[in-house]
Amino acid sequence: MTTELLLKEAPGYFYHFSSKLPVGEFFEIRPRILPDNANPITDDESGMCIGYSVSQAPGLWRIYDAEGVLITLEEAPLESPFIDPLDITLLAAGVFRVLLAGRSFLQSGARTAITVRLSQSTVSLLRGRLKLGLSGRNLKMTETAAKHMYNPGRYVPLQLQEKAIRYGRRTPDPQRNPGLFLYRTEMYRLVENKQLKGTYFYKKYTLEILVREKDWTINHFQYFQR
């Protein structure tokens, strides 16, 4: 039996993964349409951008999902003092990070990430939006592919791989295995500046995922810089 046939027929299993990235680093597939002053909201547990915030007024933010769709307004609690939009401290519901430069982040170098707390309703909305369509929960992986998810240098959130499959460029498997297709998209990774602690910069990568579509099993994935 050939290597290609073994790859094609390898059984797929459901897995749950937590981020293996260093604390404060995350992945992002940027929506095509998003306000220029949108700041990524990141989730340390998954290691990915789960939405965006845009300051509308002191203590009030527009919240967009990971696709760039406006989903809600987030308001500081009434008992909180009148605060600057960069000093977000809301109802406790899990720790997230906001990057303080939006799209200009990509052109203007490192920026500082602040830790924030979002209301439970907003967190539920953001995470719920990630599960629409072919969600990360419905994707399987071969054992070989799953092993790579435990390597900090290979880990890519399943939800983000789903986004690549849903929106990426689809081509036949380069090895011409029937039923396997290669998906490719651009992806960003936030990396800490080792010379300036607490600041970060973006690195741009190409993400490739090899999928058996009959049961949506990921056979292989990788990301690299061109």
C-alpha atoms as a PDB file:
ATOM      1  CA  MET A   1       0.000   0.000   0.000  1.00  0.00           C
ATOM      2  CA  THR A   2       1.452   3.367  -0.998  1.00  0.00           C
ATOM      3  CA  THR A   3       2.142   6.261   1.374  1.00  0.00           C
ATOM      4  CA  GLU A   4      -0.430   8.350  -0.480  1.00  0.00           C
ATOM      5  CA  LEU A   5      -3.132   5.692   0.009  1.00  0.00           C
ATOM      6  CA  LEU A   6      -2.299   5.332   3.703  1.00  0.00           C
ATOM      7  CA  LEU A   7      -2.614   9.106   4.071  1.00  0.00           C
ATOM      8  CA  LYS A   8      -5.962   9.149   2.309  1.00  0.00           C
ATOM      9  CA  GLU A   9      -7.446   6.314   4.374  1.00  0.00           C
ATOM     10  CA  ALA A  10      -6.061   7.250   7.793  1.00  0.00           C
ATOM     11  CA  PRO A  11      -9.039   7.432  10.199  1.00  0.00           C
ATOM     12  CA  GLY A  12     -10.083  10.799  11.581  1.00  0.00           C
ATOM     13  CA  TYR A  13     -10.938  11.541  15.203  1.00  0.00           C
ATOM     14  CA  PHE A  14     -12.456  14.446  17.083  1.00  0.00           C
ATOM     15  CA  TYR A  15     -10.062  16.377  19.315  1.00  0.00           C
ATOM     16  CA  HIS A  16     -10.116  19.351  21.641  1.00  0.00           C
ATOM     17  CA  PHE A  17      -7.010  21.516  21.851  1.00  0.00           C
ATOM     18  CA  SER A  18      -5.932  24.487  23.944  1.00  0.00           C
ATOM     19  CA  SER A  19      -3.393  27.007  22.748  1.00  0.00           C
ATOM     20  CA  LYS A  20       0.253  25.949  22.850  1.00  0.00           C
ATOM     21  CA  LEU A  21       1.422  29.455  21.984  1.00  0.00           C
ATOM     22  CA  PRO A  22       3.373  31.618  24.427  1.00  0.00           C
ATOM     23  CA  VAL A  23       1.024  33.730  26.576  1.00  0.00           C
ATOM     24  CA  GLY A  24      -0.067  36.838  24.710  1.00  0.00           C
ATOM     25  CA  GLU A  25       0.573  35.490  21.214  1.00  0.00           C
ATOM     26  CA  PHE A  26      -2.245  34.613  18.845  1.00  0.00           C
ATOM     27  CA  PHE A  27      -3.247  33.878  15.252  1.00  0.00           C
ATOM     28  CA  GLU A  28      -5.598  35.914  13.093  1.00  0.00           C
ATOM     29  CA  ILE A  29      -7.196  35.594   9.665  1.00  0.00           C
ATOM     30  CA  ARG A  30      -8.171  39.178   8.946  1.00  0.00           C
ATOM     31  CA  PRO A  31     -11.664  39.912   7.538  1.00  0.00           C
ATOM     32  CA  ARG A  32     -11.808  41.692   4.200  1.00  0.00           C
ATOM     33  CA  ILE A  33     -14.051  44.448   5.569  1.00  0.00           C
ATOM     34  CA  LEU A  34     -13.284  45.959   8.973  1.00  0.00           C
ATOM     35  CA  PRO A  35     -13.096  49.520  10.354  1.00  0.00           C
ATOM     36  CA  ASP A  36      -9.549  50.900  10.228  1.00  0.00           C
ATOM     37  CA  ASN A  37      -9.563  51.639  13.963  1.00  0.00           C
ATOM     38  CA  ALA A  38     -10.703  48.129  14.960  1.00  0.00           C
ATOM     39  CA  ASN A  39      -8.614  46.486  17.685  1.00  0.00           C
ATOM     40  CA  PRO A  40      -8.331  42.658  17.812  1.00  0.00           C
ATOM     41  CA  ILE A  41      -9.867  40.894  20.802  1.00  0.00           C
ATOM     42  CA  THR A  42      -7.868  37.762  21.522  1.00  0.00           C
ATOM     43  CA  ASP A  43      -8.574  34.652  23.582  1.00  0.00           C
ATOM     44  CA  ASP A  44      -5.623  33.123  25.452  1.00  0.00           C
ATOM     45  CA  GLU A  45      -7.330  29.719  25.683  1.00  0.00           C
ATOM     46  CA  SER A  46      -7.580  29.200  21.919  1.00  0.00           C
ATOM     47  CA  GLY A  47      -4.697  31.457  20.899  1.00  0.00           C
ATOM     48  CA  MET A  48      -6.683  33.319  18.255  1.00  0.00           C
ATOM     49  CA  CYS A  49      -8.500  36.539  17.480  1.00  0.00           C
ATOM     50  CA  ILE A  50     -12.193  36.025  18.288  1.00  0.00           C
ATOM     51  CA  GLY A  51     -13.439  39.519  17.428  1.00  0.00           C
ATOM     52  CA  TYR A  52     -12.730  43.241  17.279  1.00  0.00           C
ATOM     53  CA  SER A  53     -13.580  46.343  19.308  1.00  0.00           C
ATOM     54  CA  VAL A  54     -14.086  49.881  18.048  1.00  0.00           C
ATOM     55  CA  SER A  55     -14.375  52.785  20.440  1.00  0.00           C
ATOM     56  CA  GLN A  56     -17.625  54.708  19.875  1.00  0.00           C
ATOM     57  CA  ALA A  57     -17.546  56.921  22.980  1.00  0.00           C
ATOM     58  CA  PRO A  58     -15.838  56.868  26.393  1.00  0.00           C
ATOM     59  CA  GLY A  59     -17.010  53.645  28.046  1.00  0.00           C
ATOM     60  CA  LEU A  60     -18.812  52.375  24.918  1.00  0.00           C
ATOM     61  CA  TRP A  61     -17.474  50.029  22.214  1.00  0.00           C
ATOM     62  CA  ARG A  62     -18.817  48.443  19.054  1.00  0.00           C
ATOM     63  CA  ILE A  63     -18.005  44.727  19.050  1.00  0.00           C
ATOM     64  CA  TYR A  64     -17.440  42.849  15.794  1.00  0.00           C
ATOM     65  CA  ASP A  65     -17.116  39.088  15.372  1.00  0.00           C
ATOM     66  CA  ALA A  66     -14.135  37.356  13.761  1.00  0.00           C
ATOM     67  CA  GLU A  67     -15.760  37.824  10.340  1.00  0.00           C
ATOM     68  CA  GLY A  68     -15.971  41.598  10.814  1.00  0.00           C
ATOM     69  CA  VAL A  69     -19.748  41.655  11.410  1.00  0.00           C
ATOM     70  CA  LEU A  70     -21.091  44.080  14.021  1.00  0.00           C
ATOM     71  CA  ILE A  71     -22.820  42.008  16.713  1.00  0.00           C
ATOM     72  CA  THR A  72     -23.310  44.192  19.800  1.00  0.00           C
ATOM     73  CA  LEU A  73     -22.373  47.239  21.830  1.00  0.00           C
ATOM     74  CA  GLU A  74     -20.303  46.787  24.987  1.00  0.00           C
ATOM     75  CA  GLU A  75     -20.787  49.345  27.760  1.00  0.00           C
ATOM     76  CA  ALA A  76     -18.813  49.808  30.953  1.00  0.00           C
ATOM     77  CA  PRO A  77     -20.827  49.076  34.133  1.00  0.00           C
ATOM     78  CA  LEU A  78     -22.722  52.067  35.495  1.00  0.00           C
ATOM     79  CA  GLU A  79     -20.775  52.003  38.749  1.00  0.00           C
ATOM     80  CA  SER A  80     -17.462  52.333  36.906  1.00  0.00           C
ATOM     81  CA  PRO A  81     -15.810  55.772  36.749  1.00  0.00           C
ATOM     82  CA  PHE A  82     -15.726  57.725  33.499  1.00  0.00           C
ATOM     83  CA  ILE A  83     -12.845  55.989  31.729  1.00  0.00           C
ATOM     84  CA  ASP A  84     -10.770  56.215  28.614  1.00  0.00           C
ATOM     85  CA  PRO A  85     -11.697  53.594  25.961  1.00  0.00           C
ATOM     86  CA  LEU A  86      -8.236  52.033  26.348  1.00  0.00           C
ATOM     87  CA  ASP A  87      -8.890  51.234  30.012  1.00  0.00           C
ATOM     88  CA  ILE A  88     -11.556  48.601  29.471  1.00  0.00           C
ATOM     89  CA  THR A  89     -12.597  46.838  32.680  1.00  0.00           C
ATOM     90  CA  LEU A  90     -15.993  45.183  32.298  1.00  0.00           C
ATOM     91  CA  LEU A  91     -17.995  42.398  33.935  1.00  0.00           C
ATOM     92  CA  ALA A  92     -15.731  39.444  34.749  1.00  0.00           C
ATOM     93  CA  ALA A  93     -16.170  36.644  32.213  1.00  0.00           C
ATOM     94  CA  GLY A  94     -12.685  35.524  31.167  1.00  0.00           C
ATOM     95  CA  VAL A  95      -9.402  37.170  30.310  1.00  0.00           C
ATOM     96  CA  PHE A  96      -8.847  38.500  26.810  1.00  0.00           C
ATOM     97  CA  ARG A  97      -6.470  40.974  25.208  1.00  0.00           C
ATOM     98  CA  VAL A  98      -7.027  44.011  23.042  1.00  0.00           C
ATOM     99  CA  LEU A  99      -4.288  45.217  20.685  1.00  0.00           C
ATOM    100  CA  LEU A 100      -4.211  48.987  20.594  1.00  0.00           C
ATOM    101  CA  ALA A 101      -3.655  49.904  16.966  1.00  0.00           C
ATOM    102  CA  GLY A 102      -6.105  48.136  14.678  1.00  0.00           C
ATOM    103  CA  ARG A 103      -4.986  47.766  11.077  1.00  0.00           C
ATOM    104  CA  SER A 104      -2.282  50.391  11.464  1.00  0.00           C
ATOM    105  CA  PHE A 105      -0.638  47.751  13.645  1.00  0.00           C
ATOM    106  CA  LEU A 106       0.604  46.078  10.485  1.00  0.00           C
ATOM    107  CA  GLN A 107       2.433  49.172   9.264  1.00  0.00           C
ATOM    108  CA  SER A 108       3.501  50.978  12.430  1.00  0.00           C
ATOM    109  CA  GLY A 109       5.508  48.373  14.328  1.00  0.00           C
ATOM    110  CA  ALA A 110       5.012  47.027  17.826  1.00  0.00           C
ATOM    111  CA  ARG A 111       2.110  47.926  20.062  1.00  0.00           C
ATOM    112  CA  THR A 112       1.174  47.055  23.636  1.00  0.00           C
ATOM    113  CA  ALA A 113      -1.546  44.532  24.466  1.00  0.00           C
ATOM    114  CA  ILE A 114      -3.833  45.251  27.428  1.00  0.00           C
ATOM    115  CA  THR A 115      -5.721  42.631  29.418  1.00  0.00           C
ATOM    116  CA  VAL A 116      -9.489  43.171  29.557  1.00  0.00           C
ATOM    117  CA  ARG A 117     -12.614  41.512  30.904  1.00  0.00           C
ATOM    118  CA  LEU A 118     -15.678  41.255  28.696  1.00  0.00           C
ATOM    119  CA  SER A 119     -19.271  40.681  29.747  1.00  0.00           C
ATOM    120  CA  GLN A 120     -20.514  37.095  29.635  1.00  0.00           C
ATOM    121  CA  SER A 121     -23.083  37.934  26.969  1.00  0.00           C
ATOM    122  CA  THR A 122     -20.413  39.382  24.673  1.00  0.00           C
ATOM    123  CA  VAL A 123     -18.091  36.420  25.214  1.00  0.00           C
ATOM    124  CA  SER A 124     -20.960  34.033  24.417  1.00  0.00           C
ATOM    125  CA  LEU A 125     -21.769  35.956  21.248  1.00  0.00           C
ATOM    126  CA  LEU A 126     -18.162  35.993  20.036  1.00  0.00           C
ATOM    127  CA  ARG A 127     -17.570  32.322  20.736  1.00  0.00           C
ATOM    128  CA  GLY A 128     -20.969  31.355  19.362  1.00  0.00           C
ATOM    129  CA  ARG A 129     -20.228  33.107  16.077  1.00  0.00           C
ATOM    130  CA  LEU A 130     -17.123  30.952  15.667  1.00  0.00           C
ATOM    131  CA  LYS A 131     -19.315  27.839  15.679  1.00  0.00           C
ATOM    132  CA  LEU A 132     -21.442  28.815  12.691  1.00  0.00           C
ATOM    133  CA  GLY A 133     -21.103  26.684   9.547  1.00  0.00           C
ATOM    134  CA  LEU A 134     -18.488  23.934   9.542  1.00  0.00           C
ATOM    135  CA  SER A 135     -17.217  24.621  13.064  1.00  0.00           C
ATOM    136  CA  GLY A 136     -14.007  23.445  14.643  1.00  0.00           C
ATOM    137  CA  ARG A 137     -16.088  20.902  16.561  1.00  0.00           C
ATOM    138  CA  ASN A 138     -17.051  19.162  13.317  1.00  0.00           C
ATOM    139  CA  LEU A 139     -13.520  18.843  11.980  1.00  0.00           C
ATOM    140  CA  LYS A 140     -11.638  15.601  12.482  1.00  0.00           C
ATOM    141  CA  MET A 141      -7.898  15.020  12.402  1.00  0.00           C
ATOM    142  CA  THR A 142      -5.711  12.042  11.720  1.00  0.00           C
ATOM    143  CA  GLU A 143      -3.482  11.025  14.611  1.00  0.00           C
ATOM    144  CA  THR A 144      -0.432  12.290  12.743  1.00  0.00           C
ATOM    145  CA  ALA A 145      -1.941  15.734  12.195  1.00  0.00           C
ATOM    146  CA  ALA A 146      -3.188  15.875  15.803  1.00  0.00           C
ATOM    147  CA  LYS A 147       0.314  15.262  17.153  1.00  0.00           C
ATOM    148  CA  HIS A 148       1.460  18.488  15.489  1.00  0.00           C
ATOM    149  CA  MET A 149      -1.159  20.434  17.485  1.00  0.00           C
ATOM    150  CA  TYR A 150       0.789  19.773  20.694  1.00  0.00           C
ATOM    151  CA  ASN A 151       3.891  21.413  19.243  1.00  0.00           C
ATOM    152  CA  PRO A 152       3.997  25.193  19.932  1.00  0.00           C
ATOM    153  CA  GLY A 153       5.745  25.671  16.610  1.00  0.00           C
ATOM    154  CA  ARG A 154       3.012  23.859  14.665  1.00  0.00           C
ATOM    155  CA  TYR A 155      -0.190  24.616  16.613  1.00  0.00           C
ATOM    156  CA  VAL A 156      -3.003  26.410  14.727  1.00  0.00           C
ATOM    157  CA  PRO A 157      -6.472  26.733  16.382  1.00  0.00           C
ATOM    158  CA  LEU A 158      -9.056  24.387  14.892  1.00  0.00           C
ATOM    159  CA  GLN A 159     -11.528  27.258  14.514  1.00  0.00           C
ATOM    160  CA  LEU A 160      -8.971  29.133  12.472  1.00  0.00           C
ATOM    161  CA  GLN A 161      -8.329  26.076  10.307  1.00  0.00           C
ATOM    162  CA  GLU A 162     -12.073  25.931   9.738  1.00  0.00           C
ATOM    163  CA  LYS A 163     -11.993  29.560   8.552  1.00  0.00           C
ATOM    164  CA  ALA A 164      -9.219  28.666   6.123  1.00  0.00           C
ATOM    165  CA  ILE A 165     -11.322  25.798   4.759  1.00  0.00           C
ATOM    166  CA  ARG A 166     -14.419  27.970   4.500  1.00  0.00           C
ATOM    167  CA  TYR A 167     -12.800  31.013   2.875  1.00  0.00           C
ATOM    168  CA  GLY A 168      -9.425  29.863   1.567  1.00  0.00           C
ATOM    169  CA  ARG A 169      -8.425  28.949  -1.979  1.00  0.00           C
ATOM    170  CA  ARG A 170      -9.307  25.312  -2.762  1.00  0.00           C
ATOM    171  CA  THR A 171      -7.210  23.184  -5.118  1.00  0.00           C
ATOM    172  CA  PRO A 172      -6.836  19.426  -5.709  1.00  0.00           C
ATOM    173  CA  ASP A 173      -4.273  17.562  -3.640  1.00  0.00           C
ATOM    174  CA  PRO A 174      -0.829  18.133  -5.233  1.00  0.00           C
ATOM    175  CA  GLN A 175      -0.246  14.356  -4.876  1.00  0.00           C
ATOM    176  CA  ARG A 176      -3.504  13.785  -6.821  1.00  0.00           C
ATOM    177  CA  ASN A 177      -5.141  11.624  -4.174  1.00  0.00           C
ATOM    178  CA  PRO A 178      -8.901  11.389  -4.905  1.00  0.00           C
ATOM    179  CA  GLY A 179     -11.043  13.065  -2.256  1.00  0.00           C
ATOM    180  CA  LEU A 180      -8.205  15.174  -0.806  1.00  0.00           C
ATOM    181  CA  PHE A 181      -8.125  18.931  -1.322  1.00  0.00           C
ATOM    182  CA  LEU A 182      -5.629  21.608  -0.345  1.00  0.00           C
ATOM    183  CA  TYR A 183      -6.874  24.876   1.173  1.00  0.00           C
ATOM    184  CA  ARG A 184      -4.610  27.922   1.342  1.00  0.00           C
ATOM    185  CA  THR A 185      -5.028  31.356   2.954  1.00  0.00           C
ATOM    186  CA  GLU A 186      -3.053  34.202   4.510  1.00  0.00           C
ATOM    187  CA  MET A 187      -2.679  34.265   8.272  1.00  0.00           C
ATOM    188  CA  TYR A 188      -1.041  36.534  10.857  1.00  0.00           C
ATOM    189  CA  ARG A 189       0.712  35.625  14.083  1.00  0.00           C
ATOM    190  CA  LEU A 190       1.374  38.119  16.845  1.00  0.00           C
ATOM    191  CA  VAL A 191       4.876  37.663  18.273  1.00  0.00           C
ATOM    192  CA  GLU A 192       6.439  39.297  21.312  1.00  0.00           C
ATOM    193  CA  ASN A 193       9.387  41.615  20.719  1.00  0.00           C
ATOM    194  CA  LYS A 194      12.202  39.972  22.683  1.00  0.00           C
ATOM    195  CA  GLN A 195      14.128  43.250  22.877  1.00  0.00           C
ATOM    196  CA  LEU A 196      11.147  45.220  24.190  1.00  0.00           C
ATOM    197  CA  LYS A 197       9.059  43.171  26.618  1.00  0.00           C
ATOM    198  CA  GLY A 198       5.314  43.749  26.568  1.00  0.00           C
ATOM    199  CA  THR A 199       5.223  44.849  22.928  1.00  0.00           C
ATOM    200  CA  TYR A 200       4.392  42.771  19.881  1.00  0.00           C
ATOM    201  CA  PHE A 201       4.545  42.717  16.101  1.00  0.00           C
ATOM    202  CA  TYR A 202       2.742  40.806  13.363  1.00  0.00           C
ATOM    203  CA  LYS A 203       4.276  38.129  11.153  1.00  0.00           C
ATOM    204  CA  LYS A 204       2.482  37.150   7.955  1.00  0.00           C
ATOM    205  CA  TYR A 205       2.227  33.484   6.949  1.00  0.00           C
ATOM    206  CA  THR A 206       0.592  31.242   4.377  1.00  0.00           C
ATOM    207  CA  LEU A 207      -1.542  28.510   5.961  1.00  0.00           C
ATOM    208  CA  GLU A 208      -2.095  25.252   4.055  1.00  0.00           C
ATOM    209  CA  ILE A 209      -4.504  22.488   5.090  1.00  0.00           C
ATOM    210  CA  LEU A 210      -4.955  19.126   3.368  1.00  0.00           C
ATOM    211  CA  VAL A 211      -8.499  17.848   3.915  1.00  0.00           C
ATOM    212  CA  ARG A 212     -10.398  14.660   3.101  1.00  0.00           C
ATOM    213  CA  GLU A 213     -13.772  16.167   2.344  1.00  0.00           C
ATOM    214  CA  LYS A 214     -16.008  13.099   2.623  1.00  0.00           C
ATOM    215  CA  ASP A 215     -15.684  13.228   6.424  1.00  0.00           C
ATOM    216  CA  TRP A 216     -13.875  16.587   6.846  1.00  0.00           C
ATOM    217  CA  THR A 217     -10.692  15.064   8.208  1.00  0.00           C
ATOM    218  CA  ILE A 218      -7.525  17.160   8.293  1.00  0.00           C
ATOM    219  CA  ASN A 219      -4.660  15.006   7.064  1.00  0.00           C
ATOM    220  CA  HIS A 220      -1.950  17.628   7.181  1.00  0.00           C
ATOM    221  CA  PHE A 221      -1.474  21.340   7.891  1.00  0.00           C
ATOM    222  CA  GLN A 222       1.428  23.750   7.932  1.00  0.00           C
ATOM    223  CA  TYR A 223       2.158  27.457   7.861  1.00  0.00           C
ATOM    224  CA  PHE A 224       5.202  29.220   6.506  1.00  0.00           C
ATOM    225  CA  GLN A 225       6.526  32.612   5.465  1.00  0.00           C
ATOM    226  CA  ARG A 226       7.016  33.302   1.779  1.00  0.00           C
END
